[in-house]
Amino acid sequence: MDVEAAYDYLTYVRGVNPHTIVAYGRSIGSGPTVHIAVKRSVLGVVLQSPISSVYKVKVYRLPCTIPGDMFRNEDKVDRINVPTLILHGTKDNVVPISI
């Protein structure tokens, strides 16, 4: 995944301390952010208007996630073990807070 390559570049090539990285993702970008927060060490996470899953954004009211959905945030978010800030407006028409 590209997010893992970016993380590896920052930490291994540029020498950035992983415990100084705050992962940020907005909308569909929350998928890679949750992924890296679960797989690697980070200081914290900020999710702005996060999606629950890519498929749920495409097919509103889907009751569950589907195999093959790369970014099943709702299945992974409980495995984030660092401070996490979630921001989402109730009048968001692009990514409704319900999904």
N, C-alpha and C. Protein backbone atom coordinates (compact mmCIF):
# COMPACT_ATOMS: atom_id res chain seq x y z
N MET A 1 0.82 -1.18 0.00
CA MET A 1 0.00 0.00 0.00
C MET A 1 0.87 1.25 0.00
N ASP A 2 0.41 2.26 -0.71
CA ASP A 2 1.16 3.51 -0.80
C ASP A 2 1.39 4.16 0.56
N VAL A 3 0.41 4.07 1.44
CA VAL A 3 0.55 4.69 2.76
C VAL A 3 1.68 4.02 3.55
N GLU A 4 1.86 2.73 3.37
CA GLU A 4 2.97 2.04 4.04
C GLU A 4 4.30 2.47 3.45
N ALA A 5 4.35 2.66 2.14
CA ALA A 5 5.58 3.12 1.49
C ALA A 5 5.94 4.53 1.97
N ALA A 6 4.94 5.39 2.10
CA ALA A 6 5.18 6.75 2.59
C ALA A 6 5.68 6.72 4.03
N TYR A 7 5.06 5.89 4.85
CA TYR A 7 5.47 5.75 6.25
C TYR A 7 6.91 5.24 6.33
N ASP A 8 7.22 4.21 5.55
CA ASP A 8 8.58 3.66 5.54
C ASP A 8 9.60 4.69 5.08
N TYR A 9 9.26 5.48 4.09
CA TYR A 9 10.16 6.53 3.62
C TYR A 9 10.43 7.53 4.75
N LEU A 10 9.37 7.98 5.40
CA LEU A 10 9.54 8.95 6.49
C LEU A 10 10.40 8.39 7.62
N THR A 11 10.12 7.16 8.01
CA THR A 11 10.79 6.62 9.20
C THR A 11 12.17 6.04 8.90
N TYR A 12 12.31 5.31 7.80
CA TYR A 12 13.59 4.65 7.52
C TYR A 12 14.55 5.52 6.73
N VAL A 13 14.06 6.22 5.72
CA VAL A 13 14.93 7.03 4.87
C VAL A 13 15.18 8.41 5.49
N ARG A 14 14.12 9.07 5.92
CA ARG A 14 14.26 10.42 6.47
C ARG A 14 14.54 10.43 7.97
N GLY A 15 14.41 9.29 8.62
CA GLY A 15 14.73 9.19 10.04
C GLY A 15 13.73 9.83 10.99
N VAL A 16 12.49 10.00 10.55
CA VAL A 16 11.46 10.58 11.41
C VAL A 16 11.06 9.56 12.48
N ASN A 17 11.03 10.00 13.71
CA ASN A 17 10.62 9.15 14.82
C ASN A 17 9.13 8.83 14.67
N PRO A 18 8.75 7.55 14.61
CA PRO A 18 7.34 7.19 14.45
C PRO A 18 6.44 7.76 15.54
N HIS A 19 7.00 7.98 16.71
CA HIS A 19 6.20 8.48 17.83
C HIS A 19 5.99 10.00 17.77
N THR A 20 6.40 10.60 16.64
CA THR A 20 6.11 12.02 16.41
C THR A 20 5.13 12.20 15.25
N ILE A 21 4.68 11.09 14.66
CA ILE A 21 3.79 11.14 13.50
C ILE A 21 2.33 11.10 13.96
N VAL A 22 1.57 12.08 13.49
CA VAL A 22 0.12 12.07 13.69
C VAL A 22 -0.49 11.79 12.31
N ALA A 23 -1.18 10.67 12.19
CA ALA A 23 -1.79 10.28 10.92
C ALA A 23 -3.11 11.02 10.76
N TYR A 24 -3.30 11.63 9.58
CA TYR A 24 -4.51 12.42 9.30
C TYR A 24 -5.15 11.91 8.02
N GLY A 25 -6.46 11.76 8.04
CA GLY A 25 -7.17 11.38 6.83
C GLY A 25 -8.55 12.01 6.79
N ARG A 26 -8.95 12.42 5.60
CA ARG A 26 -10.26 13.05 5.40
C ARG A 26 -11.05 12.25 4.38
N SER A 27 -12.30 11.99 4.68
CA SER A 27 -13.21 11.28 3.78
C SER A 27 -12.63 9.93 3.39
N ILE A 28 -12.45 9.66 2.11
CA ILE A 28 -11.91 8.37 1.69
C ILE A 28 -10.46 8.20 2.14
N GLY A 29 -9.77 9.32 2.38
CA GLY A 29 -8.41 9.26 2.90
C GLY A 29 -8.32 8.73 4.31
N SER A 30 -9.47 8.60 4.97
CA SER A 30 -9.47 8.01 6.30
C SER A 30 -9.15 6.52 6.25
N GLY A 31 -9.39 5.89 5.09
CA GLY A 31 -9.09 4.46 4.95
C GLY A 31 -7.61 4.16 5.13
N PRO A 32 -6.74 4.80 4.33
CA PRO A 32 -5.30 4.58 4.52
C PRO A 32 -4.82 5.02 5.90
N THR A 33 -5.44 6.06 6.46
CA THR A 33 -5.04 6.54 7.78
C THR A 33 -5.33 5.50 8.86
N VAL A 34 -6.51 4.91 8.84
CA VAL A 34 -6.84 3.86 9.80
C VAL A 34 -5.93 2.66 9.58
N HIS A 35 -5.67 2.32 8.33
CA HIS A 35 -4.80 1.19 8.01
C HIS A 35 -3.42 1.38 8.65
N ILE A 36 -2.81 2.54 8.44
CA ILE A 36 -1.45 2.76 8.95
C ILE A 36 -1.46 2.84 10.48
N ALA A 37 -2.52 3.38 11.06
CA ALA A 37 -2.60 3.47 12.52
C ALA A 37 -2.71 2.09 13.16
N VAL A 38 -3.29 1.15 12.45
CA VAL A 38 -3.41 -0.22 12.96
C VAL A 38 -2.12 -1.01 12.72
N LYS A 39 -1.45 -0.76 11.59
CA LYS A 39 -0.28 -1.55 11.20
C LYS A 39 1.05 -1.03 11.75
N ARG A 40 1.16 0.26 11.99
CA ARG A 40 2.44 0.86 12.38
C ARG A 40 2.29 1.75 13.60
N SER A 41 3.40 2.18 14.16
CA SER A 41 3.40 3.06 15.33
C SER A 41 3.20 4.51 14.90
N VAL A 42 2.26 5.18 15.54
CA VAL A 42 2.04 6.61 15.35
C VAL A 42 1.72 7.24 16.71
N LEU A 43 1.88 8.54 16.79
CA LEU A 43 1.58 9.27 18.03
C LEU A 43 0.07 9.41 18.23
N GLY A 44 -0.64 9.65 17.14
CA GLY A 44 -2.08 9.85 17.23
C GLY A 44 -2.71 9.82 15.85
N VAL A 45 -4.04 9.96 15.83
CA VAL A 45 -4.81 9.88 14.59
C VAL A 45 -5.86 10.99 14.59
N VAL A 46 -6.03 11.63 13.44
CA VAL A 46 -7.11 12.59 13.23
C VAL A 46 -7.89 12.13 12.00
N LEU A 47 -9.19 11.91 12.18
CA LEU A 47 -10.06 11.50 11.08
C LEU A 47 -11.12 12.58 10.89
N GLN A 48 -11.15 13.17 9.70
CA GLN A 48 -12.13 14.21 9.40
C GLN A 48 -13.14 13.65 8.40
N SER A 49 -14.40 13.65 8.75
CA SER A 49 -15.46 13.10 7.91
C SER A 49 -15.09 11.70 7.41
N PRO A 50 -14.74 10.80 8.33
CA PRO A 50 -14.28 9.48 7.88
C PRO A 50 -15.43 8.63 7.32
N ILE A 51 -15.06 7.71 6.45
CA ILE A 51 -16.03 6.76 5.92
C ILE A 51 -16.01 5.51 6.78
N SER A 52 -17.11 4.78 6.80
CA SER A 52 -17.11 3.49 7.51
C SER A 52 -16.55 2.41 6.62
N SER A 53 -16.81 2.50 5.32
CA SER A 53 -16.23 1.59 4.32
C SER A 53 -16.47 2.21 2.95
N VAL A 54 -15.61 1.87 1.99
CA VAL A 54 -15.75 2.40 0.63
C VAL A 54 -17.08 1.97 0.04
N TYR A 55 -17.43 0.71 0.20
CA TYR A 55 -18.67 0.21 -0.38
C TYR A 55 -19.90 0.86 0.24
N LYS A 56 -19.83 1.15 1.53
CA LYS A 56 -20.98 1.79 2.17
C LYS A 56 -21.18 3.21 1.65
N VAL A 57 -20.11 3.86 1.22
CA VAL A 57 -20.25 5.19 0.63
C VAL A 57 -20.94 5.07 -0.73
N LYS A 58 -20.60 4.04 -1.48
CA LYS A 58 -21.19 3.83 -2.80
C LYS A 58 -22.62 3.30 -2.73
N VAL A 59 -22.88 2.42 -1.77
CA VAL A 59 -24.19 1.79 -1.65
C VAL A 59 -24.74 2.15 -0.27
N TYR A 60 -25.42 3.26 -0.17
CA TYR A 60 -25.95 3.72 1.12
C TYR A 60 -26.78 2.65 1.79
N ARG A 61 -26.71 2.62 3.09
CA ARG A 61 -27.48 1.72 3.95
C ARG A 61 -27.09 0.26 3.81
N LEU A 62 -25.94 -0.02 3.30
CA LEU A 62 -25.45 -1.40 3.28
C LEU A 62 -25.24 -1.83 4.73
N PRO A 63 -25.81 -2.94 5.18
CA PRO A 63 -25.80 -3.31 6.59
C PRO A 63 -24.46 -3.86 7.10
N CYS A 64 -23.55 -4.20 6.21
CA CYS A 64 -22.29 -4.79 6.65
C CYS A 64 -21.19 -4.44 5.66
N THR A 65 -19.96 -4.74 6.02
CA THR A 65 -18.86 -4.57 5.08
C THR A 65 -18.79 -5.80 4.18
N ILE A 66 -18.08 -5.66 3.07
CA ILE A 66 -18.01 -6.73 2.07
C ILE A 66 -16.55 -7.11 1.88
N PRO A 67 -16.25 -8.41 1.78
CA PRO A 67 -14.87 -8.82 1.47
C PRO A 67 -14.42 -8.14 0.18
N GLY A 68 -13.18 -7.72 0.16
CA GLY A 68 -12.65 -7.01 -1.00
C GLY A 68 -12.64 -5.51 -0.82
N ASP A 69 -13.38 -5.01 0.16
CA ASP A 69 -13.39 -3.59 0.47
C ASP A 69 -12.09 -3.28 1.20
N MET A 70 -11.17 -2.58 0.55
CA MET A 70 -9.85 -2.32 1.14
C MET A 70 -9.93 -1.51 2.42
N PHE A 71 -10.86 -0.60 2.49
CA PHE A 71 -10.89 0.32 3.61
C PHE A 71 -12.16 0.13 4.44
N ARG A 72 -12.19 -0.95 5.18
CA ARG A 72 -13.31 -1.25 6.07
C ARG A 72 -13.02 -0.63 7.44
N ASN A 73 -13.08 0.67 7.51
CA ASN A 73 -12.73 1.37 8.74
C ASN A 73 -13.50 0.86 9.95
N GLU A 74 -14.79 0.59 9.78
CA GLU A 74 -15.58 0.19 10.93
C GLU A 74 -15.13 -1.16 11.49
N ASP A 75 -14.45 -1.96 10.69
CA ASP A 75 -13.93 -3.24 11.17
C ASP A 75 -12.55 -3.11 11.81
N LYS A 76 -11.89 -1.96 11.59
CA LYS A 76 -10.51 -1.79 12.07
C LYS A 76 -10.36 -0.76 13.18
N VAL A 77 -11.27 0.20 13.24
CA VAL A 77 -11.08 1.36 14.12
C VAL A 77 -10.91 0.97 15.58
N ASP A 78 -11.51 -0.12 16.00
CA ASP A 78 -11.37 -0.52 17.41
C ASP A 78 -9.98 -1.06 17.72
N ARG A 79 -9.14 -1.25 16.70
CA ARG A 79 -7.77 -1.72 16.91
C ARG A 79 -6.76 -0.57 16.96
N ILE A 80 -7.23 0.66 16.81
CA ILE A 80 -6.34 1.82 16.96
C ILE A 80 -6.12 2.01 18.46
N ASN A 81 -4.86 2.02 18.87
CA ASN A 81 -4.57 2.10 20.31
C ASN A 81 -3.81 3.37 20.70
N VAL A 82 -4.04 4.43 19.93
CA VAL A 82 -3.45 5.73 20.25
C VAL A 82 -4.58 6.76 20.30
N PRO A 83 -4.33 7.94 20.90
CA PRO A 83 -5.37 8.96 20.93
C PRO A 83 -5.88 9.27 19.52
N THR A 84 -7.20 9.34 19.39
CA THR A 84 -7.83 9.53 18.08
C THR A 84 -8.90 10.61 18.18
N LEU A 85 -8.83 11.58 17.27
CA LEU A 85 -9.82 12.64 17.19
C LEU A 85 -10.64 12.42 15.92
N ILE A 86 -11.96 12.33 16.08
CA ILE A 86 -12.86 12.16 14.94
C ILE A 86 -13.72 13.41 14.82
N LEU A 87 -13.70 14.03 13.65
CA LEU A 87 -14.48 15.24 13.37
C LEU A 87 -15.43 14.93 12.22
N HIS A 88 -16.71 15.26 12.38
CA HIS A 88 -17.67 15.02 11.30
C HIS A 88 -18.88 15.92 11.51
N GLY A 89 -19.24 16.66 10.48
CA GLY A 89 -20.39 17.54 10.56
C GLY A 89 -21.69 16.81 10.27
N THR A 90 -22.73 17.18 10.97
CA THR A 90 -24.03 16.51 10.78
C THR A 90 -24.71 16.91 9.47
N LYS A 91 -24.26 17.98 8.84
CA LYS A 91 -24.86 18.42 7.58
C LYS A 91 -23.98 18.08 6.38
N ASP A 92 -23.07 17.14 6.53
CA ASP A 92 -22.19 16.71 5.44
C ASP A 92 -23.01 15.91 4.43
N ASN A 93 -23.14 16.44 3.21
CA ASN A 93 -23.92 15.77 2.16
C ASN A 93 -23.08 14.83 1.31
N VAL A 94 -21.77 14.94 1.39
CA VAL A 94 -20.89 14.08 0.60
C VAL A 94 -20.69 12.74 1.30
N VAL A 95 -20.30 12.79 2.55
CA VAL A 95 -20.15 11.58 3.37
C VAL A 95 -21.04 11.78 4.60
N PRO A 96 -22.30 11.38 4.52
CA PRO A 96 -23.19 11.56 5.66
C PRO A 96 -22.64 10.88 6.92
N ILE A 97 -22.89 11.48 8.05
CA ILE A 97 -22.37 10.96 9.31
C ILE A 97 -22.88 9.54 9.58
N SER A 98 -24.00 9.18 8.99
CA SER A 98 -24.56 7.84 9.21
C SER A 98 -23.76 6.73 8.55
N ILE A 99 -22.91 7.08 7.56
CA ILE A 99 -22.11 6.04 6.92
C ILE A 99 -20.65 6.30 7.18
